[in-house]
Every structure is written in C-alpha cells, then in structure tokens.
Amino acid sequence: MAYAEKVYKVRNGKKTKQFTWRARFKAPDGSWPSEPGFPTKKLAEEYGEQQEAAMRAGRWTDPTLAETQFGTWAREWMAAKSPRGRTVTTRWARLEAHILPRWEHTPIRQITWFDAEGWANNLTCDDVTATHCLTLMSQILTGAVDKGMIPVNPLFGRRRSRTAAAKESQAAREEDKLWAPADVVLRVARRAGPLDGLHILTTAFTGVRWGESLALRPSSLGARVEGEFTCPVLAVTEEVAEYAKRGPAGERLGMVLALEPVKTKESKRRIDLPPFLAELLTEHAASVKGEFLFTPRGGEHWRRGNFSRQIMRPCADGRKAVTKTRGRAERAAVESVMEGLTMRALRHTHDTYQDQIGVRPSLMFEQAGHRRPGIKAVYQHPTPDMRRDRLGGLQEIYEGAMSALGWTRVWE
C-alpha cells in the first residue's frame, strides 16, 4: 500500500528542519519506487495510490524508464526492427542528419508535440523530409509506449502545421514539375544508344520506378488475357535497392545493391505495353545474355548516380566542345535536348501521358503502381476497353513524335 515519508532538506552538509514529502508505492516486481518533491503528505499519498491503481488497471509505466534518453531508445528500437534494407538506410540518414543532433540526450518523457513541431518547421532540409522526420520520431515513441516506457505518444495522430516559407519551398521543387514531350524522350533515347536508350524509353512509356527497372528480366515479359482481349505486359515484382548497410548500432558496413520485393502491394503489378515498346523489348530480351534487361556494360546493376552522370546528363544536357590537347582527344559540342531531365522525371512523364490521353483513374493508378484513395478504389475496376484505349493513346503519342522527327526507327 502506498505511503508518504518526509525528506529533510540539507544545507552546508547539515539536515535542516525544512522538509518535503516523498511518495512510495509498490511496483509489480515487488520493488518500492519513489517520487519526491510533494509539499504535503496527502499529495504524496494520493500520487502513490494513483500509481498502484494504474498498475491494477494495466496502465502503469515505470517513471525511471521515461527518463531514458531518446537517442538510447532510438538505437534500441532500430536494432529491433528489420524492414527492407533501403528503409533502414533512410531511417538512419534522417536520425543522424536531423533528429539525433536535437533530441539525442532528451528524456523521452520531455518530448512534446509543441517542441517537436517547432523544431521540424525550422529544419533547413526540404519540407517533405522534415515531415518524414516527425513521422519517424512518432514511430519510435510508439515503440516506447508499447514497451511501457511512457503512457502515451505525444506525436501520434498529430498533423503538422507548416510555415508559409515551408509551403513555398515545397511548391518550388522544380524536379517534381518536370516531364518530357515524346520527341524529347526519343532524341535522348537515340543519343543513349539501343541498350540505355531502351531503358529510358521503357521508363517514359511504362512509368517503372528506377529500382524496378533494374530488376526487370527477360522473363518479366508476358501477356494479359481477359476474355478476347490480349496484350503484352511487363511484370513488376522486385526492385534493386541501393543503400548503405548498417549494423545493429547504426555503424556503416558499406554500400549494397540488392534485390528486394517491391515495397507495396500496389507496386507489384503488370504494366500493359503499347505495340512499339513490346516489339522493342521482345527483340532486346532475345539478345540479352545476362539475367537482367538493363545493366551497365560490365554487368551487375547500375548505381543511380553513375547512370545519371554517364548517360542522362550528357544525353539530355548536351556538352561543350573540347579542343585537342596532350592526353585528350578533340570532341565536338552536343546541343542540349532537355537540361535537368532525370529518370524520376520520366516516371512523371508516363503519368502525364496517361492524363493527356484520358486514361480512367482505376487503370491509371493500377499501371503507375499507386494506391488509389477513397471508396472508388473498391467499386471501380479497369476493363478491356479501357486498356485498349490506353495502349492506343500511348502508341499514338509515339507515332506522332516519330513522324514529327521524320524517323522510321529509333536507332539506325
């Protein structure tokens, strides 16, 4: 049963007549925790009785556990989780770059939504990353609730109120606005050559994500049969993840390029291929000697940065002329086609094409690998006629660009 005891103040090493009250109560393990600092005996006893009542109701948390520093608990939580490798890398990056510098030594019981939101709104990273940092903190604190360290997660279910500057910064992200007309895609693809150019063309006309495109095999090509409707498809089931492998305590163990299942059930899909792309991919798959459709010349997998530097930047941005010098050959100038074009922008391009040709939402979301929100996702489904219209529209975009360029083949 809870009780209270006097705690005399000490001054210059001597006990004085002044005192406060300390609550003592019996914990589930038989120990007697205490909480000091009460001005009256009654308040101390009431506090102890409240703790014992919470124990009987199964709601009690040990106050000493709530003093655990956030950094200590975050590392324990990370070591206990085993999501996909890329997810682990992203979490550690956010912890080390943004979260731990501010919250490393803060007891978890002292974290409030007011302080956390204010901190997130003043981060110098992009606005989306700031929101994701709050989400990660909330996941970690929910783990602390589940372990009985704190009674509630102060960040759970809260919606961040962004500053006007943050909203303006998010609206100004130019890469998210970039897409390429079909003639631009074709010109960049031609410059890149049949192998890397087909990789570019496939991304623009199917919307595969970067990691998904690296995991495509000749066996990914198949067919969809729905009654009398048949069309070639590209099956997306895996992706190649690029990340820094981490140990249990977050130590870096080197870079990894590894196959993983796609992240969501919507990402696992079969993309209907327009006739021109099905023909090009089938021809290419027949000549592939390795395991995957799109690889660098030495095999293995592309790293995103290498593909951007070696393929996308010279093919899309162009380059200046180089004069002949000792140890360096002369090189002619190459004009820019679309400066800043990326493989991510080509995924945006595919969805833009779908919108342009009026693809119905049920099919648009399916083909892009997105989760469609709302009740319509339950009631509406793609039909063969929708699929025919989409394929016809994409084929028309391709043929129109080929005609405008005066080409009969993408690669001579």
Protein backbone atom coordinates (compact mmCIF):
# COMPACT_ATOMS: atom_id res chain seq x y z
CA MET A 1 0.00 0.00 0.00
CA ALA A 2 1.29 3.46 -0.92
CA TYR A 3 2.59 5.72 1.83
CA ALA A 4 4.50 9.02 2.25
CA GLU A 5 7.74 9.83 4.03
CA LYS A 6 9.49 13.03 4.98
CA VAL A 7 12.58 14.17 3.09
CA TYR A 8 14.55 16.80 5.05
CA LYS A 9 16.46 19.45 3.17
CA VAL A 10 20.21 19.65 3.70
CA ARG A 11 22.21 22.88 3.82
CA ASN A 12 26.00 23.01 4.17
CA GLY A 13 26.02 19.30 4.91
CA LYS A 14 23.55 19.59 7.79
CA LYS A 15 19.94 18.50 7.92
CA THR A 16 17.53 21.39 8.39
CA LYS A 17 14.02 21.45 9.81
CA GLN A 18 12.56 22.07 6.34
CA PHE A 19 11.22 19.07 4.51
CA THR A 20 9.10 17.84 1.59
CA TRP A 21 7.24 14.56 1.13
CA ARG A 22 8.18 11.57 -0.98
CA ALA A 23 5.63 9.08 -2.32
CA ARG A 24 6.45 5.37 -2.05
CA PHE A 25 4.44 2.68 -3.82
CA LYS A 26 4.82 -1.00 -4.59
CA ALA A 27 5.73 -1.91 -8.19
CA PRO A 28 4.66 -5.14 -9.94
CA ASP A 29 8.15 -6.64 -9.44
CA GLY A 30 7.92 -6.13 -5.65
CA SER A 31 10.22 -3.11 -5.51
CA TRP A 32 9.26 0.23 -3.94
CA PRO A 33 9.82 3.11 -6.41
CA SER A 34 9.53 6.66 -5.13
CA GLU A 35 8.68 10.12 -6.39
CA PRO A 36 9.96 13.10 -4.32
CA GLY A 37 9.05 16.76 -4.18
CA PHE A 38 5.48 16.88 -2.80
CA PRO A 39 4.66 19.80 -0.49
CA THR A 40 2.15 17.81 1.64
CA LYS A 41 1.78 14.26 2.90
CA LYS A 42 -1.70 13.97 1.37
CA LEU A 43 -0.49 14.82 -2.17
CA ALA A 44 2.33 12.28 -1.89
CA GLU A 45 -0.05 9.55 -0.73
CA GLU A 46 -2.54 10.37 -3.49
CA TYR A 47 0.20 10.12 -6.09
CA GLY A 48 1.31 6.72 -4.77
CA GLU A 49 -2.27 5.45 -4.74
CA GLN A 50 -2.74 6.63 -8.33
CA GLN A 51 0.33 4.65 -9.39
CA GLU A 52 -0.93 1.49 -7.71
CA ALA A 53 -4.39 1.97 -9.28
CA ALA A 54 -2.72 2.29 -12.70
CA MET A 55 -0.83 -0.96 -12.02
CA ARG A 56 -4.05 -2.81 -11.23
CA ALA A 57 -5.62 -1.43 -14.45
CA GLY A 58 -2.56 -2.39 -16.50
CA ARG A 59 -1.79 1.25 -17.40
CA TRP A 60 1.26 1.92 -15.25
CA THR A 61 4.63 2.94 -16.67
CA ASP A 62 7.84 2.95 -14.70
CA PRO A 63 8.90 6.62 -14.23
CA THR A 64 12.58 5.64 -14.40
CA LEU A 65 12.09 4.23 -17.91
CA ALA A 66 10.56 7.52 -19.04
CA GLU A 67 13.90 9.16 -18.22
CA THR A 68 15.60 7.12 -20.97
CA GLN A 69 17.29 9.42 -23.45
CA PHE A 70 15.70 9.47 -26.91
CA GLY A 71 18.98 8.57 -28.64
CA THR A 72 19.45 5.48 -26.46
CA TRP A 73 15.90 4.25 -27.12
CA ALA A 74 16.07 5.11 -30.84
CA ARG A 75 19.11 2.86 -31.30
CA GLU A 76 17.44 0.03 -29.38
CA TRP A 77 14.28 0.44 -31.49
CA MET A 78 16.24 0.47 -34.76
CA ALA A 79 18.13 -2.68 -33.79
CA ALA A 80 14.83 -4.48 -33.10
CA LYS A 81 13.31 -3.60 -36.49
CA SER A 82 14.08 -5.42 -39.74
CA PRO A 83 12.35 -3.70 -42.67
CA ARG A 84 13.77 -3.58 -46.19
CA GLY A 85 17.42 -2.55 -46.39
CA ARG A 86 16.69 0.72 -48.17
CA THR A 87 14.18 1.66 -45.46
CA VAL A 88 16.78 1.08 -42.73
CA THR A 89 19.26 3.32 -44.57
CA THR A 90 16.73 6.10 -44.98
CA ARG A 91 15.80 5.97 -41.29
CA TRP A 92 19.43 6.14 -40.16
CA ALA A 93 20.10 9.03 -42.54
CA ARG A 94 17.25 11.04 -41.01
CA LEU A 95 18.27 10.15 -37.48
CA GLU A 96 21.91 11.13 -37.94
CA ALA A 97 21.39 14.23 -40.09
CA HIS A 98 18.38 15.79 -38.39
CA ILE A 99 16.80 14.03 -35.39
CA LEU A 100 19.65 13.00 -33.08
CA PRO A 101 21.52 16.34 -33.19
CA ARG A 102 18.48 17.88 -31.48
CA TRP A 103 16.91 15.03 -29.48
CA GLU A 104 19.82 12.67 -28.70
CA HIS A 105 20.00 13.46 -24.96
CA THR A 106 16.38 14.45 -24.31
CA PRO A 107 14.46 12.12 -21.94
CA ILE A 108 11.56 10.65 -23.88
CA ARG A 109 9.03 11.88 -21.29
CA GLN A 110 10.09 15.50 -22.02
CA ILE A 111 9.28 15.39 -25.75
CA THR A 112 6.14 17.36 -26.59
CA TRP A 113 4.30 17.99 -29.84
CA PHE A 114 4.77 21.75 -29.43
CA ASP A 115 8.58 21.42 -29.29
CA ALA A 116 8.78 18.75 -32.00
CA GLU A 117 6.63 20.67 -34.46
CA GLY A 118 8.57 23.88 -33.88
CA TRP A 119 11.84 22.04 -34.45
CA ALA A 120 10.57 20.43 -37.69
CA ASN A 121 9.39 23.78 -39.03
CA ASN A 122 12.87 25.23 -38.56
CA LEU A 123 14.84 22.42 -40.22
CA THR A 124 16.89 23.50 -43.24
CA CYS A 125 16.13 20.32 -45.23
CA ASP A 126 13.25 20.12 -47.71
CA ASP A 127 9.74 20.18 -46.31
CA VAL A 128 8.90 16.55 -47.10
CA THR A 129 12.00 15.32 -45.24
CA ALA A 130 11.03 17.42 -42.20
CA THR A 131 7.61 15.77 -42.12
CA HIS A 132 9.18 12.32 -42.51
CA CYS A 133 11.49 13.07 -39.57
CA LEU A 134 8.44 13.74 -37.39
CA THR A 135 6.85 10.52 -38.61
CA LEU A 136 9.95 8.52 -37.70
CA MET A 137 10.10 10.11 -34.25
CA SER A 138 6.44 9.20 -33.75
CA GLN A 139 7.10 5.57 -34.73
CA ILE A 140 9.96 5.38 -32.23
CA LEU A 141 7.86 6.89 -29.43
CA THR A 142 5.01 4.49 -30.21
CA GLY A 143 7.53 1.71 -29.62
CA ALA A 144 8.29 3.29 -26.24
CA VAL A 145 4.57 3.21 -25.39
CA ASP A 146 4.36 -0.45 -26.41
CA LYS A 147 7.29 -1.27 -24.14
CA GLY A 148 5.69 0.55 -21.18
CA MET A 149 8.23 3.34 -21.02
CA ILE A 150 5.75 6.22 -21.44
CA PRO A 151 1.95 6.19 -21.16
CA VAL A 152 1.20 7.96 -24.46
CA ASN A 153 2.96 9.07 -27.64
CA PRO A 154 2.66 12.90 -27.78
CA LEU A 155 3.28 12.89 -31.55
CA PHE A 156 0.74 10.24 -32.53
CA GLY A 157 -2.03 11.38 -34.88
CA ARG A 158 -0.88 15.00 -34.95
CA ARG A 159 -0.94 16.96 -38.20
CA ARG A 160 1.95 19.30 -38.78
CA SER A 161 1.15 22.97 -39.41
CA ARG A 162 3.77 24.08 -41.90
CA THR A 163 5.09 27.60 -42.12
CA ALA A 164 4.40 29.77 -45.17
CA ALA A 165 8.08 29.52 -46.10
CA ALA A 166 7.94 25.71 -45.97
CA LYS A 167 4.87 25.64 -48.20
CA GLU A 168 6.55 27.95 -50.69
CA SER A 169 9.71 25.83 -50.67
CA GLN A 170 7.75 22.66 -51.35
CA ALA A 171 5.83 24.30 -54.20
CA ALA A 172 9.11 25.40 -55.79
CA ARG A 173 10.62 21.93 -56.26
CA GLU A 174 11.28 22.09 -59.99
CA GLU A 175 12.12 18.42 -60.49
CA ASP A 176 8.61 17.44 -59.44
CA LYS A 177 7.21 19.62 -62.24
CA LEU A 178 9.45 18.22 -64.98
CA TRP A 179 8.15 15.98 -67.76
CA ALA A 180 9.29 15.41 -71.33
CA PRO A 181 7.41 15.56 -74.64
CA ALA A 182 7.68 12.34 -76.64
CA ASP A 183 10.05 13.80 -79.23
CA VAL A 184 12.44 14.79 -76.42
CA VAL A 185 12.30 11.26 -74.96
CA LEU A 186 13.09 9.79 -78.38
CA ARG A 187 16.01 12.15 -79.02
CA VAL A 188 17.56 11.41 -75.62
CA ALA A 189 17.00 7.67 -76.14
CA ARG A 190 18.69 7.78 -79.54
CA ARG A 191 21.72 9.54 -78.09
CA ALA A 192 21.98 6.96 -75.32
CA GLY A 193 22.06 4.06 -77.78
CA PRO A 194 19.90 0.92 -78.10
CA LEU A 195 20.56 -0.51 -74.61
CA ASP A 196 20.45 2.54 -72.33
CA GLY A 197 18.08 4.31 -74.71
CA LEU A 198 15.57 1.48 -74.43
CA HIS A 199 15.88 1.78 -70.65
CA ILE A 200 14.94 5.47 -70.97
CA LEU A 201 12.11 4.75 -73.42
CA THR A 202 10.69 2.00 -71.19
CA THR A 203 10.63 4.30 -68.16
CA ALA A 204 8.83 7.07 -70.07
CA PHE A 205 6.15 4.77 -71.53
CA THR A 206 5.59 2.41 -68.57
CA GLY A 207 6.37 4.55 -65.51
CA VAL A 208 8.54 1.93 -63.81
CA ARG A 209 10.48 3.25 -60.83
CA TRP A 210 14.26 3.31 -61.01
CA GLY A 211 14.82 0.27 -58.77
CA GLU A 212 12.01 -1.64 -60.51
CA SER A 213 13.58 -1.06 -63.93
CA LEU A 214 16.89 -2.56 -62.78
CA ALA A 215 15.16 -5.75 -61.62
CA LEU A 216 13.40 -6.44 -64.94
CA ARG A 217 14.34 -9.74 -66.57
CA PRO A 218 13.56 -11.25 -70.00
CA SER A 219 11.08 -13.43 -68.11
CA SER A 220 9.29 -10.25 -66.95
CA LEU A 221 7.73 -10.04 -70.41
CA GLY A 222 4.40 -11.85 -70.62
CA ALA A 223 0.82 -11.45 -71.75
CA ARG A 224 -2.50 -10.39 -70.28
CA VAL A 225 -5.55 -12.39 -71.34
CA GLU A 226 -9.01 -11.16 -70.35
CA GLY A 227 -11.65 -12.89 -72.45
CA GLU A 228 -10.97 -11.92 -76.04
CA PHE A 229 -8.57 -9.13 -75.03
CA THR A 230 -4.85 -9.91 -75.13
CA CYS A 231 -1.87 -7.61 -74.78
CA PRO A 232 1.84 -7.91 -73.88
CA VAL A 233 2.76 -6.92 -70.33
CA LEU A 234 5.80 -6.18 -68.20
CA ALA A 235 5.60 -7.82 -64.75
CA VAL A 236 7.00 -5.79 -61.84
CA THR A 237 7.63 -7.91 -58.74
CA GLU A 238 11.06 -6.87 -57.42
CA GLU A 239 13.34 -3.88 -57.29
CA VAL A 240 17.05 -3.28 -56.87
CA ALA A 241 17.67 -1.29 -53.69
CA GLU A 242 20.80 0.82 -53.28
CA TYR A 243 21.69 1.62 -49.69
CA ALA A 244 24.40 1.79 -47.06
CA LYS A 245 24.18 -1.37 -44.98
CA ARG A 246 24.06 -0.73 -41.23
CA GLY A 247 24.92 -2.76 -38.17
CA PRO A 248 22.71 -3.07 -35.05
CA ALA A 249 24.09 0.18 -33.60
CA GLY A 250 23.89 2.05 -36.89
CA GLU A 251 27.52 1.56 -37.89
CA ARG A 252 28.15 1.70 -41.66
CA LEU A 253 29.05 -1.62 -43.29
CA GLY A 254 29.43 -0.49 -46.90
CA MET A 255 27.18 0.11 -49.90
CA VAL A 256 24.83 -2.60 -51.13
CA LEU A 257 22.91 -3.17 -54.39
CA ALA A 258 20.43 -5.92 -53.62
CA LEU A 259 17.17 -7.35 -54.93
CA GLU A 260 14.16 -6.80 -52.68
CA PRO A 261 10.40 -7.30 -53.08
CA VAL A 262 8.58 -4.14 -54.15
CA LYS A 263 7.53 -2.00 -51.20
CA THR A 264 3.72 -2.06 -51.52
CA LYS A 265 1.10 -4.42 -52.91
CA GLU A 266 0.13 -1.77 -55.48
CA SER A 267 3.72 -1.69 -56.76
CA LYS A 268 3.50 -5.38 -57.65
CA ARG A 269 1.73 -5.09 -60.98
CA ARG A 270 1.63 -5.95 -64.68
CA ILE A 271 2.09 -2.96 -66.97
CA ASP A 272 0.35 -3.16 -70.36
CA LEU A 273 2.84 -2.44 -73.16
CA PRO A 274 1.99 -0.42 -76.30
CA PRO A 275 2.87 -2.34 -79.50
CA PHE A 276 6.04 -0.39 -80.38
CA LEU A 277 7.55 -0.92 -76.92
CA ALA A 278 6.54 -4.58 -76.74
CA GLU A 279 8.32 -5.16 -80.07
CA LEU A 280 11.49 -3.37 -78.96
CA LEU A 281 11.61 -5.15 -75.59
CA THR A 282 10.97 -8.58 -77.10
CA GLU A 283 13.78 -8.06 -79.61
CA HIS A 284 16.11 -6.86 -76.87
CA ALA A 285 15.20 -9.71 -74.47
CA ALA A 286 16.10 -12.26 -77.15
CA SER A 287 19.64 -10.85 -77.33
CA VAL A 288 20.25 -10.50 -73.57
CA LYS A 289 22.96 -12.86 -72.31
CA GLY A 290 22.73 -11.92 -68.63
CA GLU A 291 19.98 -12.16 -66.05
CA PHE A 292 18.56 -8.63 -66.34
CA LEU A 293 17.29 -6.45 -69.19
CA PHE A 294 19.11 -3.23 -68.28
CA THR A 295 22.67 -3.36 -66.96
CA PRO A 296 25.94 -1.45 -67.42
CA ARG A 297 28.45 -2.89 -69.87
CA GLY A 298 30.25 -4.79 -67.12
CA GLY A 299 27.06 -6.46 -65.83
CA GLU A 300 25.83 -6.23 -62.22
CA HIS A 301 23.45 -3.29 -61.64
CA TRP A 302 23.56 0.40 -62.38
CA ARG A 303 24.02 2.79 -59.49
CA ARG A 304 21.68 5.74 -59.82
CA GLY A 305 24.46 8.32 -59.69
CA ASN A 306 26.55 6.52 -62.30
CA PHE A 307 23.64 6.25 -64.74
CA SER A 308 22.86 9.93 -64.29
CA ARG A 309 26.48 11.02 -64.77
CA GLN A 310 27.38 8.68 -67.63
CA ILE A 311 24.07 8.52 -69.55
CA MET A 312 21.38 11.05 -68.63
CA ARG A 313 23.46 14.18 -68.19
CA PRO A 314 25.45 14.04 -71.46
CA CYS A 315 22.43 12.78 -73.44
CA ALA A 316 19.91 15.27 -72.06
CA ASP A 317 22.05 18.29 -71.12
CA GLY A 318 24.49 18.13 -74.02
CA ARG A 319 28.13 19.15 -73.66
CA LYS A 320 30.59 21.81 -74.71
CA ALA A 321 33.22 21.31 -77.39
CA VAL A 322 36.64 20.11 -76.22
CA THR A 323 39.80 21.07 -78.10
CA LYS A 324 42.57 18.59 -78.67
CA THR A 325 45.36 18.75 -76.13
CA ARG A 326 48.04 16.40 -74.95
CA GLY A 327 46.32 13.35 -73.49
CA ARG A 328 42.84 14.49 -74.57
CA ALA A 329 41.10 13.95 -77.90
CA GLU A 330 39.07 16.60 -79.64
CA ARG A 331 35.32 16.40 -79.01
CA ALA A 332 32.55 18.23 -80.81
CA ALA A 333 29.84 20.11 -78.98
CA VAL A 334 26.48 18.38 -78.44
CA GLU A 335 23.37 20.53 -78.13
CA SER A 336 21.06 20.23 -75.13
CA VAL A 337 17.80 18.36 -75.57
CA MET A 338 16.22 18.99 -72.14
CA GLU A 339 18.51 20.14 -69.38
CA GLY A 340 17.89 18.51 -65.99
CA LEU A 341 15.86 15.56 -67.32
CA THR A 342 16.05 12.58 -64.92
CA MET A 343 14.68 9.05 -64.75
CA ARG A 344 12.35 10.26 -62.00
CA ALA A 345 11.05 12.95 -64.36
CA LEU A 346 10.45 10.24 -66.98
CA ARG A 347 8.20 8.42 -64.50
CA HIS A 348 6.29 11.70 -64.14
CA THR A 349 6.22 11.78 -67.95
CA HIS A 350 4.40 8.46 -68.16
CA ASP A 351 1.67 9.57 -65.77
CA THR A 352 1.40 12.86 -67.66
CA TYR A 353 0.87 10.92 -70.90
CA GLN A 354 -1.83 8.86 -69.19
CA ASP A 355 -3.61 12.03 -68.13
CA GLN A 356 -3.21 13.53 -71.61
CA ILE A 357 -4.93 10.60 -73.33
CA GLY A 358 -7.70 10.38 -70.73
CA VAL A 359 -6.83 7.08 -69.04
CA ARG A 360 -9.53 6.25 -66.48
CA PRO A 361 -8.43 6.60 -62.83
CA SER A 362 -8.91 2.92 -61.98
CA LEU A 363 -6.44 1.95 -64.73
CA MET A 364 -4.15 4.95 -64.27
CA PHE A 365 -3.49 4.15 -60.61
CA GLU A 366 -3.01 0.45 -61.36
CA GLN A 367 -0.48 0.99 -64.12
CA ALA A 368 1.53 3.56 -62.15
CA GLY A 369 1.68 1.32 -59.07
CA HIS A 370 -0.10 3.86 -56.88
CA ARG A 371 -2.68 3.21 -54.16
CA ARG A 372 -5.94 4.85 -55.15
CA PRO A 373 -7.61 6.56 -52.17
CA GLY A 374 -11.30 6.54 -51.38
CA ILE A 375 -14.25 4.22 -51.86
CA LYS A 376 -13.96 4.34 -55.67
CA ALA A 377 -10.88 2.14 -55.36
CA VAL A 378 -13.22 -0.59 -54.09
CA TYR A 379 -16.01 -0.14 -56.64
CA GLN A 380 -14.24 0.75 -59.91
CA HIS A 381 -12.05 -1.63 -61.94
CA PRO A 382 -10.17 -1.50 -65.28
CA THR A 383 -11.95 -3.02 -68.28
CA PRO A 384 -10.51 -4.38 -71.56
CA ASP A 385 -11.85 -1.33 -73.42
CA MET A 386 -10.02 0.97 -71.00
CA ARG A 387 -6.83 -0.98 -71.64
CA ARG A 388 -7.27 -0.77 -75.43
CA ASP A 389 -7.79 2.99 -75.24
CA ARG A 390 -4.69 3.47 -73.09
CA LEU A 391 -2.47 1.40 -75.37
CA GLY A 392 -3.83 3.12 -78.45
CA GLY A 393 -3.19 6.54 -76.92
CA LEU A 394 0.42 5.72 -75.97
CA GLN A 395 1.06 4.25 -79.43
CA GLU A 396 -0.35 7.43 -81.00
CA ILE A 397 1.94 9.62 -78.87
CA TYR A 398 4.95 7.56 -80.01
CA GLU A 399 3.99 7.52 -83.67
CA GLY A 400 3.24 11.25 -83.65
CA ALA A 401 6.70 12.03 -82.26
CA MET A 402 8.40 9.69 -84.75
CA SER A 403 6.55 11.41 -87.59
CA ALA A 404 7.45 14.88 -86.32
CA LEU A 405 11.12 13.87 -86.16
CA GLY A 406 10.98 12.23 -89.60
CA TRP A 407 12.23 8.93 -88.17
CA THR A 408 11.30 5.40 -89.16
CA ARG A 409 13.39 3.75 -86.44
CA VAL A 410 14.55 4.97 -83.03
CA TRP A 411 18.06 3.63 -83.58
CA GLU A 412 19.62 3.38 -87.01
